[in-house]
Amino acid sequence: MSLADFKAKREKRQLSEAKAYVREYKLRFGVIPPESKLTEYFFLFKKNDDVKTFHEMLTLMGNYENSVKELEVHKPVFNNYEEFIDYCLKD
């Protein structure tokens, strides 16, 4: 499997994993998870100019500059957190 194939596979799985996480969180706690609980999935709904909440995740692996560069060219799947949550909660 090529690196590009692996990346595409992970991106697709990331979305289904995020959806499952949101649904399970809501089932367990009775509320929608705050953005701060979705540290592994913020690339799905955050634009590069709005990632202050996730600064720790960007620095986690010691590659902050690379992460910021990726965010500069990355287009999120969803326009915002609300759109992401709507997707996760619909059947």
N, C-alpha and C. Protein backbone atom coordinates (compact mmCIF):
# COMPACT_ATOMS: atom_id res chain seq x y z
N MET A 1 0.85 -1.18 0.00
CA MET A 1 0.00 0.00 0.00
C MET A 1 0.90 1.24 0.00
N SER A 2 0.58 2.16 -0.87
CA SER A 2 1.37 3.40 -0.95
C SER A 2 1.00 4.32 0.22
N LEU A 3 1.86 5.29 0.45
CA LEU A 3 1.60 6.26 1.51
C LEU A 3 0.33 7.05 1.22
N ALA A 4 0.11 7.41 -0.04
CA ALA A 4 -1.10 8.15 -0.41
C ALA A 4 -2.36 7.30 -0.17
N ASP A 5 -2.28 6.00 -0.48
CA ASP A 5 -3.41 5.10 -0.23
C ASP A 5 -3.69 4.98 1.26
N PHE A 6 -2.62 4.86 2.04
CA PHE A 6 -2.77 4.76 3.49
C PHE A 6 -3.40 6.03 4.05
N LYS A 7 -2.95 7.19 3.57
CA LYS A 7 -3.50 8.46 4.04
C LYS A 7 -4.99 8.55 3.73
N ALA A 8 -5.38 8.17 2.51
CA ALA A 8 -6.79 8.21 2.12
C ALA A 8 -7.62 7.26 2.98
N LYS A 9 -7.07 6.09 3.25
CA LYS A 9 -7.76 5.11 4.09
C LYS A 9 -7.96 5.65 5.51
N ARG A 10 -6.93 6.25 6.07
CA ARG A 10 -7.02 6.80 7.43
C ARG A 10 -7.99 7.97 7.49
N GLU A 11 -7.98 8.82 6.46
CA GLU A 11 -8.90 9.96 6.46
C GLU A 11 -10.35 9.48 6.47
N LYS A 12 -10.63 8.45 5.71
CA LYS A 12 -11.99 7.92 5.67
C LYS A 12 -12.36 7.29 7.01
N ARG A 13 -11.45 6.56 7.60
CA ARG A 13 -11.71 5.93 8.89
C ARG A 13 -11.81 6.98 10.00
N GLN A 14 -11.05 8.06 9.87
CA GLN A 14 -11.07 9.10 10.89
C GLN A 14 -12.48 9.66 11.02
N LEU A 15 -13.14 9.88 9.91
CA LEU A 15 -14.49 10.43 9.95
C LEU A 15 -15.46 9.47 10.63
N SER A 16 -15.40 8.20 10.31
CA SER A 16 -16.31 7.25 10.95
C SER A 16 -15.97 7.10 12.44
N GLU A 17 -14.70 7.15 12.79
CA GLU A 17 -14.30 7.08 14.20
C GLU A 17 -14.79 8.31 14.97
N ALA A 18 -14.69 9.48 14.35
CA ALA A 18 -15.15 10.71 14.99
C ALA A 18 -16.66 10.67 15.22
N LYS A 19 -17.38 10.18 14.23
CA LYS A 19 -18.83 10.07 14.35
C LYS A 19 -19.20 9.13 15.49
N ALA A 20 -18.52 8.00 15.56
CA ALA A 20 -18.79 7.04 16.64
C ALA A 20 -18.46 7.65 18.00
N TYR A 21 -17.37 8.39 18.07
CA TYR A 21 -16.98 9.03 19.34
C TYR A 21 -18.06 10.01 19.80
N VAL A 22 -18.51 10.86 18.90
CA VAL A 22 -19.53 11.87 19.25
C VAL A 22 -20.81 11.17 19.73
N ARG A 23 -21.23 10.15 19.03
CA ARG A 23 -22.45 9.44 19.40
C ARG A 23 -22.31 8.75 20.76
N GLU A 24 -21.20 8.10 20.98
CA GLU A 24 -20.98 7.42 22.26
C GLU A 24 -20.86 8.41 23.42
N TYR A 25 -20.20 9.52 23.17
CA TYR A 25 -20.08 10.56 24.21
C TYR A 25 -21.46 11.06 24.59
N LYS A 26 -22.28 11.35 23.60
CA LYS A 26 -23.63 11.85 23.86
C LYS A 26 -24.47 10.80 24.59
N LEU A 27 -24.33 9.56 24.20
CA LEU A 27 -25.05 8.48 24.87
C LEU A 27 -24.61 8.34 26.33
N ARG A 28 -23.34 8.42 26.57
CA ARG A 28 -22.79 8.22 27.92
C ARG A 28 -23.05 9.41 28.85
N PHE A 29 -22.83 10.63 28.34
CA PHE A 29 -22.90 11.81 29.19
C PHE A 29 -24.17 12.65 28.99
N GLY A 30 -24.93 12.35 27.96
CA GLY A 30 -26.17 13.07 27.72
C GLY A 30 -26.01 14.44 27.09
N VAL A 31 -24.81 14.77 26.67
CA VAL A 31 -24.54 16.06 26.02
C VAL A 31 -23.59 15.84 24.85
N ILE A 32 -23.59 16.79 23.96
CA ILE A 32 -22.65 16.77 22.84
C ILE A 32 -21.27 17.11 23.37
N PRO A 33 -20.24 16.41 22.94
CA PRO A 33 -18.90 16.71 23.46
C PRO A 33 -18.45 18.11 23.04
N PRO A 34 -17.79 18.82 23.94
CA PRO A 34 -17.22 20.11 23.55
C PRO A 34 -16.07 19.89 22.57
N GLU A 35 -15.75 20.90 21.81
CA GLU A 35 -14.65 20.79 20.84
C GLU A 35 -13.37 20.29 21.49
N SER A 36 -13.13 20.72 22.69
CA SER A 36 -11.88 20.37 23.38
C SER A 36 -11.74 18.87 23.61
N LYS A 37 -12.82 18.11 23.54
CA LYS A 37 -12.76 16.66 23.70
C LYS A 37 -12.44 15.95 22.38
N LEU A 38 -12.42 16.69 21.29
CA LEU A 38 -12.20 16.08 19.97
C LEU A 38 -10.80 16.39 19.43
N THR A 39 -9.82 16.25 20.30
CA THR A 39 -8.45 16.63 19.94
C THR A 39 -7.90 15.84 18.75
N GLU A 40 -8.34 14.63 18.56
CA GLU A 40 -7.82 13.83 17.45
C GLU A 40 -8.57 14.06 16.15
N TYR A 41 -9.63 14.83 16.21
CA TYR A 41 -10.48 15.00 15.03
C TYR A 41 -10.65 16.44 14.58
N PHE A 42 -9.92 17.37 15.17
CA PHE A 42 -10.16 18.78 14.86
C PHE A 42 -9.87 19.12 13.40
N PHE A 43 -9.03 18.34 12.73
CA PHE A 43 -8.74 18.59 11.32
C PHE A 43 -10.01 18.47 10.47
N LEU A 44 -11.01 17.79 10.98
CA LEU A 44 -12.25 17.61 10.22
C LEU A 44 -13.10 18.88 10.18
N PHE A 45 -12.93 19.77 11.16
CA PHE A 45 -13.84 20.92 11.24
C PHE A 45 -13.18 22.25 11.55
N LYS A 46 -11.89 22.29 11.76
CA LYS A 46 -11.22 23.55 12.08
C LYS A 46 -10.42 24.07 10.89
N LYS A 47 -10.51 25.36 10.69
CA LYS A 47 -9.70 26.01 9.66
C LYS A 47 -8.37 26.41 10.28
N ASN A 48 -7.38 26.64 9.46
CA ASN A 48 -6.02 26.89 9.95
C ASN A 48 -5.92 28.15 10.81
N ASP A 49 -6.83 29.08 10.66
CA ASP A 49 -6.74 30.31 11.44
C ASP A 49 -7.53 30.23 12.76
N ASP A 50 -7.97 29.02 13.11
CA ASP A 50 -8.83 28.88 14.28
C ASP A 50 -8.50 27.61 15.06
N VAL A 51 -7.24 27.43 15.41
CA VAL A 51 -6.82 26.19 16.07
C VAL A 51 -6.20 26.42 17.45
N LYS A 52 -6.43 27.57 18.03
CA LYS A 52 -5.83 27.88 19.34
C LYS A 52 -6.15 26.81 20.38
N THR A 53 -7.37 26.30 20.36
CA THR A 53 -7.80 25.29 21.32
C THR A 53 -6.94 24.03 21.22
N PHE A 54 -6.39 23.78 20.05
CA PHE A 54 -5.68 22.53 19.80
C PHE A 54 -4.17 22.73 19.68
N HIS A 55 -3.68 23.81 20.24
CA HIS A 55 -2.23 24.09 20.18
C HIS A 55 -1.41 22.94 20.75
N GLU A 56 -1.89 22.36 21.83
CA GLU A 56 -1.17 21.25 22.46
C GLU A 56 -1.04 20.06 21.49
N MET A 57 -2.09 19.77 20.75
CA MET A 57 -2.03 18.66 19.79
C MET A 57 -1.05 18.95 18.66
N LEU A 58 -0.97 20.21 18.26
CA LEU A 58 -0.05 20.58 17.18
C LEU A 58 1.41 20.45 17.60
N THR A 59 1.67 20.56 18.89
CA THR A 59 3.04 20.48 19.38
C THR A 59 3.39 19.11 19.96
N LEU A 60 2.42 18.24 20.06
CA LEU A 60 2.57 16.95 20.73
C LEU A 60 3.75 16.12 20.24
N MET A 61 3.90 16.01 18.96
CA MET A 61 4.96 15.16 18.39
C MET A 61 6.23 15.92 18.07
N GLY A 62 6.31 17.18 18.51
CA GLY A 62 7.51 17.97 18.25
C GLY A 62 7.62 18.43 16.80
N ASN A 63 6.49 18.47 16.13
CA ASN A 63 6.51 18.89 14.73
C ASN A 63 5.50 20.02 14.47
N TYR A 64 5.49 20.99 15.34
CA TYR A 64 4.54 22.09 15.26
C TYR A 64 4.57 22.77 13.89
N GLU A 65 5.77 23.07 13.40
CA GLU A 65 5.89 23.77 12.11
C GLU A 65 5.28 22.94 10.99
N ASN A 66 5.53 21.64 10.97
CA ASN A 66 4.95 20.78 9.94
C ASN A 66 3.44 20.72 10.05
N SER A 67 2.94 20.66 11.27
CA SER A 67 1.49 20.63 11.48
C SER A 67 0.83 21.90 10.99
N VAL A 68 1.44 23.04 11.28
CA VAL A 68 0.90 24.32 10.84
C VAL A 68 0.93 24.41 9.31
N LYS A 69 2.00 23.93 8.70
CA LYS A 69 2.08 23.92 7.22
C LYS A 69 0.96 23.07 6.62
N GLU A 70 0.72 21.92 7.21
CA GLU A 70 -0.35 21.05 6.73
C GLU A 70 -1.71 21.74 6.87
N LEU A 71 -1.91 22.43 7.95
CA LEU A 71 -3.17 23.16 8.15
C LEU A 71 -3.35 24.28 7.13
N GLU A 72 -2.25 24.87 6.69
CA GLU A 72 -2.34 25.96 5.72
C GLU A 72 -2.92 25.49 4.39
N VAL A 73 -2.67 24.24 4.02
CA VAL A 73 -3.17 23.72 2.73
C VAL A 73 -4.37 22.81 2.91
N HIS A 74 -4.64 22.44 4.15
CA HIS A 74 -5.73 21.51 4.44
C HIS A 74 -7.08 22.21 4.39
N LYS A 75 -8.04 21.59 3.74
CA LYS A 75 -9.41 22.09 3.75
C LYS A 75 -10.24 21.13 4.59
N PRO A 76 -10.82 21.62 5.67
CA PRO A 76 -11.61 20.73 6.53
C PRO A 76 -12.80 20.14 5.78
N VAL A 77 -13.23 18.99 6.20
CA VAL A 77 -14.39 18.32 5.60
C VAL A 77 -15.66 19.12 5.87
N PHE A 78 -15.72 19.76 7.05
CA PHE A 78 -16.89 20.52 7.46
C PHE A 78 -16.52 21.99 7.62
N ASN A 79 -17.47 22.87 7.43
CA ASN A 79 -17.23 24.31 7.53
C ASN A 79 -17.02 24.78 8.97
N ASN A 80 -17.57 24.04 9.92
CA ASN A 80 -17.45 24.42 11.33
C ASN A 80 -17.85 23.24 12.22
N TYR A 81 -17.73 23.45 13.52
CA TYR A 81 -18.03 22.40 14.49
C TYR A 81 -19.51 22.00 14.45
N GLU A 82 -20.38 22.97 14.32
CA GLU A 82 -21.81 22.69 14.31
C GLU A 82 -22.19 21.79 13.13
N GLU A 83 -21.63 22.07 11.97
CA GLU A 83 -21.90 21.24 10.79
C GLU A 83 -21.38 19.81 11.00
N PHE A 84 -20.22 19.70 11.61
CA PHE A 84 -19.64 18.41 11.94
C PHE A 84 -20.57 17.63 12.88
N ILE A 85 -21.04 18.29 13.95
CA ILE A 85 -21.93 17.64 14.92
C ILE A 85 -23.23 17.23 14.25
N ASP A 86 -23.80 18.08 13.42
CA ASP A 86 -25.02 17.73 12.70
C ASP A 86 -24.83 16.45 11.89
N TYR A 87 -23.70 16.35 11.20
CA TYR A 87 -23.38 15.13 10.44
C TYR A 87 -23.31 13.92 11.36
N CYS A 88 -22.63 14.07 12.47
CA CYS A 88 -22.44 12.95 13.40
C CYS A 88 -23.73 12.44 13.99
N LEU A 89 -24.67 13.32 14.22
CA LEU A 89 -25.91 12.93 14.92
C LEU A 89 -27.04 12.52 13.99
N LYS A 90 -26.89 12.78 12.70
CA LYS A 90 -27.97 12.35 11.80
C LYS A 90 -27.80 10.85 11.52
N ASP A 91 -28.91 10.21 11.22
CA ASP A 91 -28.87 8.75 10.96
C ASP A 91 -28.28 8.42 9.62
